[in-house]
Amino acid sequence: ESWIEWAELAKVDIAGDLDDLRPQRPDADVEWIDPDA
C-alpha cells in the first residue's frame, strides 16, 4: 500500500498495473509449509 500510494502521488509513468504489487495471499485451505523445516 505504501508503494502504491507513493507511485500515485508522485505521478510517475506506470507500465502495467499497480495492483501487481499487492502480494497474492494463499487460499485459506492451503497449509503453509515452513521453509526451514
All heavy atoms as atom14 arrays in JSON, in Angstrom:
{
  "sequence": "ESWIEWAELAKVDIAGDLDDLRPQRPDADVEWIDPDA",
  "atom14_mask": [
    [1, 1, 1, 1, 1, 1, 1, 1, 1, 0, 0, 0, 0, 0],
    [1, 1, 1, 1, 1, 1, 0, 0, 0, 0, 0, 0, 0, 0],
    [1, 1, 1, 1, 1, 1, 1, 1, 1, 1, 1, 1, 1, 1],
    [1, 1, 1, 1, 1, 1, 1, 1, 0, 0, 0, 0, 0, 0],
    [1, 1, 1, 1, 1, 1, 1, 1, 1, 0, 0, 0, 0, 0],
    [1, 1, 1, 1, 1, 1, 1, 1, 1, 1, 1, 1, 1, 1],
    [1, 1, 1, 1, 1, 0, 0, 0, 0, 0, 0, 0, 0, 0],
    [1, 1, 1, 1, 1, 1, 1, 1, 1, 0, 0, 0, 0, 0],
    [1, 1, 1, 1, 1, 1, 1, 1, 0, 0, 0, 0, 0, 0],
    [1, 1, 1, 1, 1, 0, 0, 0, 0, 0, 0, 0, 0, 0],
    [1, 1, 1, 1, 1, 1, 1, 1, 1, 0, 0, 0, 0, 0],
    [1, 1, 1, 1, 1, 1, 1, 0, 0, 0, 0, 0, 0, 0],
    [1, 1, 1, 1, 1, 1, 1, 1, 0, 0, 0, 0, 0, 0],
    [1, 1, 1, 1, 1, 1, 1, 1, 0, 0, 0, 0, 0, 0],
    [1, 1, 1, 1, 1, 0, 0, 0, 0, 0, 0, 0, 0, 0],
    [1, 1, 1, 1, 0, 0, 0, 0, 0, 0, 0, 0, 0, 0],
    [1, 1, 1, 1, 1, 1, 1, 1, 0, 0, 0, 0, 0, 0],
    [1, 1, 1, 1, 1, 1, 1, 1, 0, 0, 0, 0, 0, 0],
    [1, 1, 1, 1, 1, 1, 1, 1, 0, 0, 0, 0, 0, 0],
    [1, 1, 1, 1, 1, 1, 1, 1, 0, 0, 0, 0, 0, 0],
    [1, 1, 1, 1, 1, 1, 1, 1, 0, 0, 0, 0, 0, 0],
    [1, 1, 1, 1, 1, 1, 1, 1, 1, 1, 1, 0, 0, 0],
    [1, 1, 1, 1, 1, 1, 1, 0, 0, 0, 0, 0, 0, 0],
    [1, 1, 1, 1, 1, 1, 1, 1, 1, 0, 0, 0, 0, 0],
    [1, 1, 1, 1, 1, 1, 1, 1, 1, 1, 1, 0, 0, 0],
    [1, 1, 1, 1, 1, 1, 1, 0, 0, 0, 0, 0, 0, 0],
    [1, 1, 1, 1, 1, 1, 1, 1, 0, 0, 0, 0, 0, 0],
    [1, 1, 1, 1, 1, 0, 0, 0, 0, 0, 0, 0, 0, 0],
    [1, 1, 1, 1, 1, 1, 1, 1, 0, 0, 0, 0, 0, 0],
    [1, 1, 1, 1, 1, 1, 1, 0, 0, 0, 0, 0, 0, 0],
    [1, 1, 1, 1, 1, 1, 1, 1, 1, 0, 0, 0, 0, 0],
    [1, 1, 1, 1, 1, 1, 1, 1, 1, 1, 1, 1, 1, 1],
    [1, 1, 1, 1, 1, 1, 1, 1, 0, 0, 0, 0, 0, 0],
    [1, 1, 1, 1, 1, 1, 1, 1, 0, 0, 0, 0, 0, 0],
    [1, 1, 1, 1, 1, 1, 1, 0, 0, 0, 0, 0, 0, 0],
    [1, 1, 1, 1, 1, 1, 1, 1, 0, 0, 0, 0, 0, 0],
    [1, 1, 1, 1, 1, 0, 0, 0, 0, 0, 0, 0, 0, 0]
  ],
  "atom14_positions": [
    [[0.82, -1.21, 0.0], [0.0, 0.0, 0.0], [0.85, 1.26, 0.0], [0.54, 2.24, -0.67], [-0.93, 0.0, 1.22], [-2.07, -1.01, 1.14], [-3.01, -0.76, -0.02], [-3.11, 0.4, -0.48], [-3.63, -1.73, -0.48], [0.0, 0.0, 0.0], [0.0, 0.0, 0.0], [0.0, 0.0, 0.0], [0.0, 0.0, 0.0], [0.0, 0.0, 0.0]],
    [[1.96, 1.23, 0.75], [2.82, 2.41, 0.8], [3.49, 2.65, -0.56], [3.66, 3.8, -0.98], [3.89, 2.25, 1.89], [4.82, 1.23, 1.58], [0.0, 0.0, 0.0], [0.0, 0.0, 0.0], [0.0, 0.0, 0.0], [0.0, 0.0, 0.0], [0.0, 0.0, 0.0], [0.0, 0.0, 0.0], [0.0, 0.0, 0.0], [0.0, 0.0, 0.0]],
    [[3.85, 1.58, -1.25], [4.45, 1.72, -2.58], [3.44, 2.28, -3.57], [3.75, 3.2, -4.34], [4.94, 0.36, -3.08], [6.15, -0.16, -2.36], [6.84, 0.44, -1.34], [6.81, -1.41, -2.61], [7.88, -0.35, -0.94], [7.89, -1.49, -1.69], [6.59, -2.46, -3.5], [8.75, -2.6, -1.67], [7.43, -3.56, -3.46], [8.51, -3.62, -2.56]],
    [[2.24, 1.71, -3.55], [1.21, 2.14, -4.5], [0.82, 3.6, -4.25], [0.7, 4.4, -5.18], [-0.02, 1.22, -4.38], [0.33, -0.19, -4.88], [-1.21, 1.79, -5.15], [-0.73, -1.23, -4.6], [0.0, 0.0, 0.0], [0.0, 0.0, 0.0], [0.0, 0.0, 0.0], [0.0, 0.0, 0.0], [0.0, 0.0, 0.0], [0.0, 0.0, 0.0]],
    [[0.66, 3.95, -3.0], [0.3, 5.33, -2.66], [1.39, 6.3, -3.12], [1.09, 7.36, -3.67], [0.1, 5.46, -1.14], [-0.31, 6.86, -0.71], [-0.51, 6.95, 0.8], [-0.32, 5.93, 1.5], [-0.87, 8.05, 1.28], [0.0, 0.0, 0.0], [0.0, 0.0, 0.0], [0.0, 0.0, 0.0], [0.0, 0.0, 0.0], [0.0, 0.0, 0.0]],
    [[2.64, 5.93, -2.91], [3.73, 6.82, -3.34], [3.71, 7.01, -4.85], [3.86, 8.12, -5.36], [5.08, 6.25, -2.91], [6.22, 7.18, -3.23], [6.76, 8.13, -2.43], [6.93, 7.24, -4.48], [7.77, 8.79, -3.09], [7.89, 8.26, -4.35], [6.85, 6.53, -5.69], [8.77, 8.61, -5.38], [7.71, 6.87, -6.72], [8.66, 7.89, -6.56]],
    [[3.57, 5.91, -5.59], [3.59, 5.98, -7.06], [2.45, 6.84, -7.59], [2.63, 7.61, -8.55], [3.5, 4.57, -7.65], [0.0, 0.0, 0.0], [0.0, 0.0, 0.0], [0.0, 0.0, 0.0], [0.0, 0.0, 0.0], [0.0, 0.0, 0.0], [0.0, 0.0, 0.0], [0.0, 0.0, 0.0], [0.0, 0.0, 0.0], [0.0, 0.0, 0.0]],
    [[1.29, 6.71, -6.96], [0.14, 7.52, -7.4], [0.36, 9.0, -7.11], [0.08, 9.86, -7.96], [-1.13, 7.02, -6.72], [-1.58, 5.64, -7.21], [-2.76, 5.1, -6.43], [-2.99, 5.55, -5.28], [-3.47, 4.23, -6.97], [0.0, 0.0, 0.0], [0.0, 0.0, 0.0], [0.0, 0.0, 0.0], [0.0, 0.0, 0.0], [0.0, 0.0, 0.0]],
    [[0.87, 9.32, -5.92], [1.1, 10.73, -5.57], [2.22, 11.35, -6.39], [2.17, 12.53, -6.74], [1.41, 10.84, -4.08], [0.26, 10.55, -3.11], [0.73, 10.56, -1.67], [-0.87, 11.57, -3.31], [0.0, 0.0, 0.0], [0.0, 0.0, 0.0], [0.0, 0.0, 0.0], [0.0, 0.0, 0.0], [0.0, 0.0, 0.0], [0.0, 0.0, 0.0]],
    [[3.26, 10.54, -6.68], [4.4, 11.05, -7.45], [4.06, 11.2, -8.93], [4.79, 11.89, -9.67], [5.59, 10.13, -7.29], [0.0, 0.0, 0.0], [0.0, 0.0, 0.0], [0.0, 0.0, 0.0], [0.0, 0.0, 0.0], [0.0, 0.0, 0.0], [0.0, 0.0, 0.0], [0.0, 0.0, 0.0], [0.0, 0.0, 0.0], [0.0, 0.0, 0.0]],
    [[2.99, 10.54, -9.37], [2.53, 10.61, -10.76], [3.59, 10.13, -11.76], [3.72, 10.65, -12.87], [2.08, 12.04, -11.12], [0.93, 12.56, -10.26], [0.44, 13.91, -10.74], [-0.64, 14.47, -9.83], [-1.8, 13.55, -9.7], [0.0, 0.0, 0.0], [0.0, 0.0, 0.0], [0.0, 0.0, 0.0], [0.0, 0.0, 0.0], [0.0, 0.0, 0.0]],
    [[4.38, 9.14, -11.35], [5.35, 8.57, -12.27], [4.63, 7.77, -13.35], [3.46, 7.38, -13.18], [6.37, 7.67, -11.53], [7.16, 8.49, -10.53], [5.67, 6.5, -10.84], [0.0, 0.0, 0.0], [0.0, 0.0, 0.0], [0.0, 0.0, 0.0], [0.0, 0.0, 0.0], [0.0, 0.0, 0.0], [0.0, 0.0, 0.0], [0.0, 0.0, 0.0]],
    [[5.31, 7.52, -14.45], [4.72, 6.75, -15.54], [4.63, 5.27, -15.12], [5.62, 4.69, -14.67], [5.58, 6.89, -16.8], [5.05, 6.07, -17.95], [3.88, 6.26, -18.32], [5.8, 5.21, -18.47], [0.0, 0.0, 0.0], [0.0, 0.0, 0.0], [0.0, 0.0, 0.0], [0.0, 0.0, 0.0], [0.0, 0.0, 0.0], [0.0, 0.0, 0.0]],
    [[3.46, 4.67, -15.28], [3.24, 3.28, -14.88], [3.06, 2.42, -16.12], [2.21, 2.7, -16.96], [1.98, 3.13, -13.99], [2.03, 4.11, -12.81], [1.85, 1.69, -13.51], [3.14, 3.85, -11.83], [0.0, 0.0, 0.0], [0.0, 0.0, 0.0], [0.0, 0.0, 0.0], [0.0, 0.0, 0.0], [0.0, 0.0, 0.0], [0.0, 0.0, 0.0]],
    [[3.86, 1.38, -16.21], [3.68, 0.37, -17.27], [3.26, -0.91, -16.57], [4.04, -1.55, -15.88], [4.97, 0.17, -18.05], [0.0, 0.0, 0.0], [0.0, 0.0, 0.0], [0.0, 0.0, 0.0], [0.0, 0.0, 0.0], [0.0, 0.0, 0.0], [0.0, 0.0, 0.0], [0.0, 0.0, 0.0], [0.0, 0.0, 0.0], [0.0, 0.0, 0.0]],
    [[2.01, -1.27, -16.73], [1.47, -2.42, -16.02], [0.35, -1.99, -15.11], [-0.36, -1.02, -15.37], [0.0, 0.0, 0.0], [0.0, 0.0, 0.0], [0.0, 0.0, 0.0], [0.0, 0.0, 0.0], [0.0, 0.0, 0.0], [0.0, 0.0, 0.0], [0.0, 0.0, 0.0], [0.0, 0.0, 0.0], [0.0, 0.0, 0.0], [0.0, 0.0, 0.0]],
    [[0.19, -2.69, -14.01], [-0.91, -2.44, -13.07], [-0.33, -2.36, -11.67], [0.37, -3.28, -11.23], [-1.92, -3.59, -13.17], [-3.22, -3.29, -12.45], [-3.2, -2.51, -11.48], [-4.26, -3.87, -12.83], [0.0, 0.0, 0.0], [0.0, 0.0, 0.0], [0.0, 0.0, 0.0], [0.0, 0.0, 0.0], [0.0, 0.0, 0.0], [0.0, 0.0, 0.0]],
    [[-0.62, -1.29, -10.95], [-0.12, -1.16, -9.58], [-0.63, -2.27, -8.67], [0.02, -2.6, -7.66], [-0.5, 0.21, -9.01], [0.26, 1.41, -9.58], [-0.27, 2.72, -8.98], [1.76, 1.29, -9.32], [0.0, 0.0, 0.0], [0.0, 0.0, 0.0], [0.0, 0.0, 0.0], [0.0, 0.0, 0.0], [0.0, 0.0, 0.0], [0.0, 0.0, 0.0]],
    [[-1.77, -2.86, -9.0], [-2.27, -3.97, -8.19], [-1.34, -5.18, -8.25], [-1.4, -6.06, -7.38], [-3.67, -4.38, -8.66], [-4.74, -3.45, -8.1], [-4.47, -2.76, -7.11], [-5.84, -3.42, -8.67], [0.0, 0.0, 0.0], [0.0, 0.0, 0.0], [0.0, 0.0, 0.0], [0.0, 0.0, 0.0], [0.0, 0.0, 0.0], [0.0, 0.0, 0.0]],
    [[-0.45, -5.24, -9.25], [0.53, -6.33, -9.33], [1.48, -6.3, -8.13], [2.14, -7.3, -7.84], [1.34, -6.24, -10.62], [0.5, -6.52, -11.85], [-0.58, -7.12, -11.71], [0.92, -6.13, -12.96], [0.0, 0.0, 0.0], [0.0, 0.0, 0.0], [0.0, 0.0, 0.0], [0.0, 0.0, 0.0], [0.0, 0.0, 0.0], [0.0, 0.0, 0.0]],
    [[1.57, -5.15, -7.47], [2.46, -5.02, -6.32], [1.85, -5.56, -5.04], [2.53, -5.65, -4.02], [2.84, -3.55, -6.12], [3.58, -2.88, -7.29], [3.85, -1.41, -6.98], [4.89, -3.62, -7.59], [0.0, 0.0, 0.0], [0.0, 0.0, 0.0], [0.0, 0.0, 0.0], [0.0, 0.0, 0.0], [0.0, 0.0, 0.0], [0.0, 0.0, 0.0]],
    [[0.59, -5.93, -5.09], [-0.06, -6.5, -3.9], [0.25, -8.0, -3.82], [0.03, -8.73, -4.8], [-1.57, -6.29, -3.95], [-2.0, -4.83, -4.07], [-3.52, -4.71, -4.07], [-3.96, -3.39, -4.47], [-4.02, -2.34, -3.66], [-3.67, -2.48, -2.38], [-4.43, -1.16, -4.1], [0.0, 0.0, 0.0], [0.0, 0.0, 0.0], [0.0, 0.0, 0.0]],
    [[0.72, -8.48, -2.68], [1.01, -9.92, -2.55], [-0.25, -10.76, -2.72], [-1.34, -10.36, -2.31], [1.55, -10.04, -1.12], [2.03, -8.67, -0.77], [1.1, -7.72, -1.48], [0.0, 0.0, 0.0], [0.0, 0.0, 0.0], [0.0, 0.0, 0.0], [0.0, 0.0, 0.0], [0.0, 0.0, 0.0], [0.0, 0.0, 0.0], [0.0, 0.0, 0.0]],
    [[-0.08, -11.9, -3.33], [-1.19, -12.83, -3.51], [-1.26, -13.76, -2.3], [-0.39, -14.6, -2.11], [-1.01, -13.64, -4.8], [-1.13, -12.83, -6.06], [-0.99, -13.7, -7.3], [-0.03, -14.44, -7.47], [-1.96, -13.62, -8.2], [0.0, 0.0, 0.0], [0.0, 0.0, 0.0], [0.0, 0.0, 0.0], [0.0, 0.0, 0.0], [0.0, 0.0, 0.0]],
    [[-2.29, -13.59, -1.5], [-2.44, -14.45, -0.32], [-2.83, -15.85, -0.75], [-3.61, -16.03, -1.69], [-3.51, -13.89, 0.61], [-3.09, -12.63, 1.37], [-4.21, -12.11, 2.23], [-3.83, -10.94, 2.99], [-3.5, -10.95, 4.28], [-3.51, -12.09, 4.95], [-3.17, -9.83, 4.9], [0.0, 0.0, 0.0], [0.0, 0.0, 0.0], [0.0, 0.0, 0.0]],
    [[-2.31, -16.86, -0.06], [-2.69, -18.24, -0.39], [-4.14, -18.5, 0.03], [-4.69, -17.8, 0.88], [-1.71, -19.07, 0.43], [-1.34, -18.19, 1.59], [-1.35, -16.79, 1.05], [0.0, 0.0, 0.0], [0.0, 0.0, 0.0], [0.0, 0.0, 0.0], [0.0, 0.0, 0.0], [0.0, 0.0, 0.0], [0.0, 0.0, 0.0], [0.0, 0.0, 0.0]],
    [[-4.72, -19.51, -0.58], [-6.07, -19.89, -0.19], [-6.09, -20.33, 1.27], [-5.12, -20.9, 1.78], [-6.57, -21.04, -1.08], [-6.75, -20.6, -2.52], [-6.93, -19.39, -2.75], [-6.66, -21.46, -3.42], [0.0, 0.0, 0.0], [0.0, 0.0, 0.0], [0.0, 0.0, 0.0], [0.0, 0.0, 0.0], [0.0, 0.0, 0.0], [0.0, 0.0, 0.0]],
    [[-7.19, -20.05, 1.94], [-7.3, -20.34, 3.37], [-7.14, -21.82, 3.68], [-6.68, -22.19, 4.77], [-8.64, -19.84, 3.9], [0.0, 0.0, 0.0], [0.0, 0.0, 0.0], [0.0, 0.0, 0.0], [0.0, 0.0, 0.0], [0.0, 0.0, 0.0], [0.0, 0.0, 0.0], [0.0, 0.0, 0.0], [0.0, 0.0, 0.0], [0.0, 0.0, 0.0]],
    [[-7.51, -22.69, 2.73], [-7.43, -24.13, 3.0], [-6.08, -24.74, 2.61], [-5.88, -25.95, 2.71], [-8.55, -24.87, 2.26], [-8.51, -24.63, 0.76], [-7.78, -23.72, 0.31], [-9.21, -25.35, 0.01], [0.0, 0.0, 0.0], [0.0, 0.0, 0.0], [0.0, 0.0, 0.0], [0.0, 0.0, 0.0], [0.0, 0.0, 0.0], [0.0, 0.0, 0.0]],
    [[-5.14, -23.89, 2.18], [-3.81, -24.39, 1.81], [-2.89, -24.27, 3.03], [-2.69, -23.19, 3.57], [-3.23, -23.58, 0.63], [-1.79, -24.02, 0.34], [-4.11, -23.75, -0.6], [0.0, 0.0, 0.0], [0.0, 0.0, 0.0], [0.0, 0.0, 0.0], [0.0, 0.0, 0.0], [0.0, 0.0, 0.0], [0.0, 0.0, 0.0], [0.0, 0.0, 0.0]],
    [[-2.33, -25.39, 3.43], [-1.45, -25.39, 4.6], [-0.1, -24.8, 4.24], [0.51, -25.18, 3.23], [-1.28, -26.82, 5.12], [-0.41, -26.91, 6.37], [-0.21, -28.34, 6.83], [-0.77, -29.25, 6.17], [0.49, -28.55, 7.84], [0.0, 0.0, 0.0], [0.0, 0.0, 0.0], [0.0, 0.0, 0.0], [0.0, 0.0, 0.0], [0.0, 0.0, 0.0]],
    [[0.39, -23.89, 5.07], [1.71, -23.29, 4.82], [2.81, -24.28, 5.22], [2.71, -24.95, 6.24], [1.86, -22.0, 5.63], [3.22, -21.36, 5.47], [3.72, -20.77, 4.34], [4.24, -21.25, 6.46], [4.98, -20.31, 4.57], [5.34, -20.58, 5.86], [4.33, -21.66, 7.8], [6.51, -20.3, 6.55], [5.5, -21.38, 8.49], [6.57, -20.72, 7.87]],
    [[3.84, -24.36, 4.4], [4.97, -25.26, 4.66], [6.17, -24.43, 5.09], [6.62, -23.54, 4.36], [5.3, -26.08, 3.4], [4.08, -26.88, 2.94], [6.48, -26.99, 3.63], [4.29, -27.63, 1.64], [0.0, 0.0, 0.0], [0.0, 0.0, 0.0], [0.0, 0.0, 0.0], [0.0, 0.0, 0.0], [0.0, 0.0, 0.0], [0.0, 0.0, 0.0]],
    [[6.69, -24.71, 6.26], [7.82, -23.96, 6.81], [9.09, -24.21, 5.97], [9.55, -25.36, 5.89], [8.05, -24.39, 8.26], [9.13, -23.56, 8.94], [9.79, -22.74, 8.27], [9.3, -23.73, 10.17], [0.0, 0.0, 0.0], [0.0, 0.0, 0.0], [0.0, 0.0, 0.0], [0.0, 0.0, 0.0], [0.0, 0.0, 0.0], [0.0, 0.0, 0.0]],
    [[9.67, -23.18, 5.35], [10.88, -23.37, 4.53], [12.08, -23.87, 5.33], [13.01, -24.44, 4.75], [11.15, -21.97, 3.97], [9.86, -21.24, 4.09], [9.19, -21.79, 5.31], [0.0, 0.0, 0.0], [0.0, 0.0, 0.0], [0.0, 0.0, 0.0], [0.0, 0.0, 0.0], [0.0, 0.0, 0.0], [0.0, 0.0, 0.0], [0.0, 0.0, 0.0]],
    [[12.08, -23.65, 6.64], [13.22, -24.03, 7.47], [13.11, -25.44, 8.04], [14.0, -25.87, 8.79], [13.39, -23.03, 8.62], [13.67, -21.64, 8.13], [14.39, -21.5, 7.12], [13.17, -20.67, 8.75], [0.0, 0.0, 0.0], [0.0, 0.0, 0.0], [0.0, 0.0, 0.0], [0.0, 0.0, 0.0], [0.0, 0.0, 0.0], [0.0, 0.0, 0.0]],
    [[12.04, -26.16, 7.73], [11.84, -27.49, 8.32], [11.44, -28.52, 7.26], [10.35, -29.11, 7.32], [10.79, -27.42, 9.42], [0.0, 0.0, 0.0], [0.0, 0.0, 0.0], [0.0, 0.0, 0.0], [0.0, 0.0, 0.0], [0.0, 0.0, 0.0], [0.0, 0.0, 0.0], [0.0, 0.0, 0.0], [0.0, 0.0, 0.0], [0.0, 0.0, 0.0]]
  ]
}
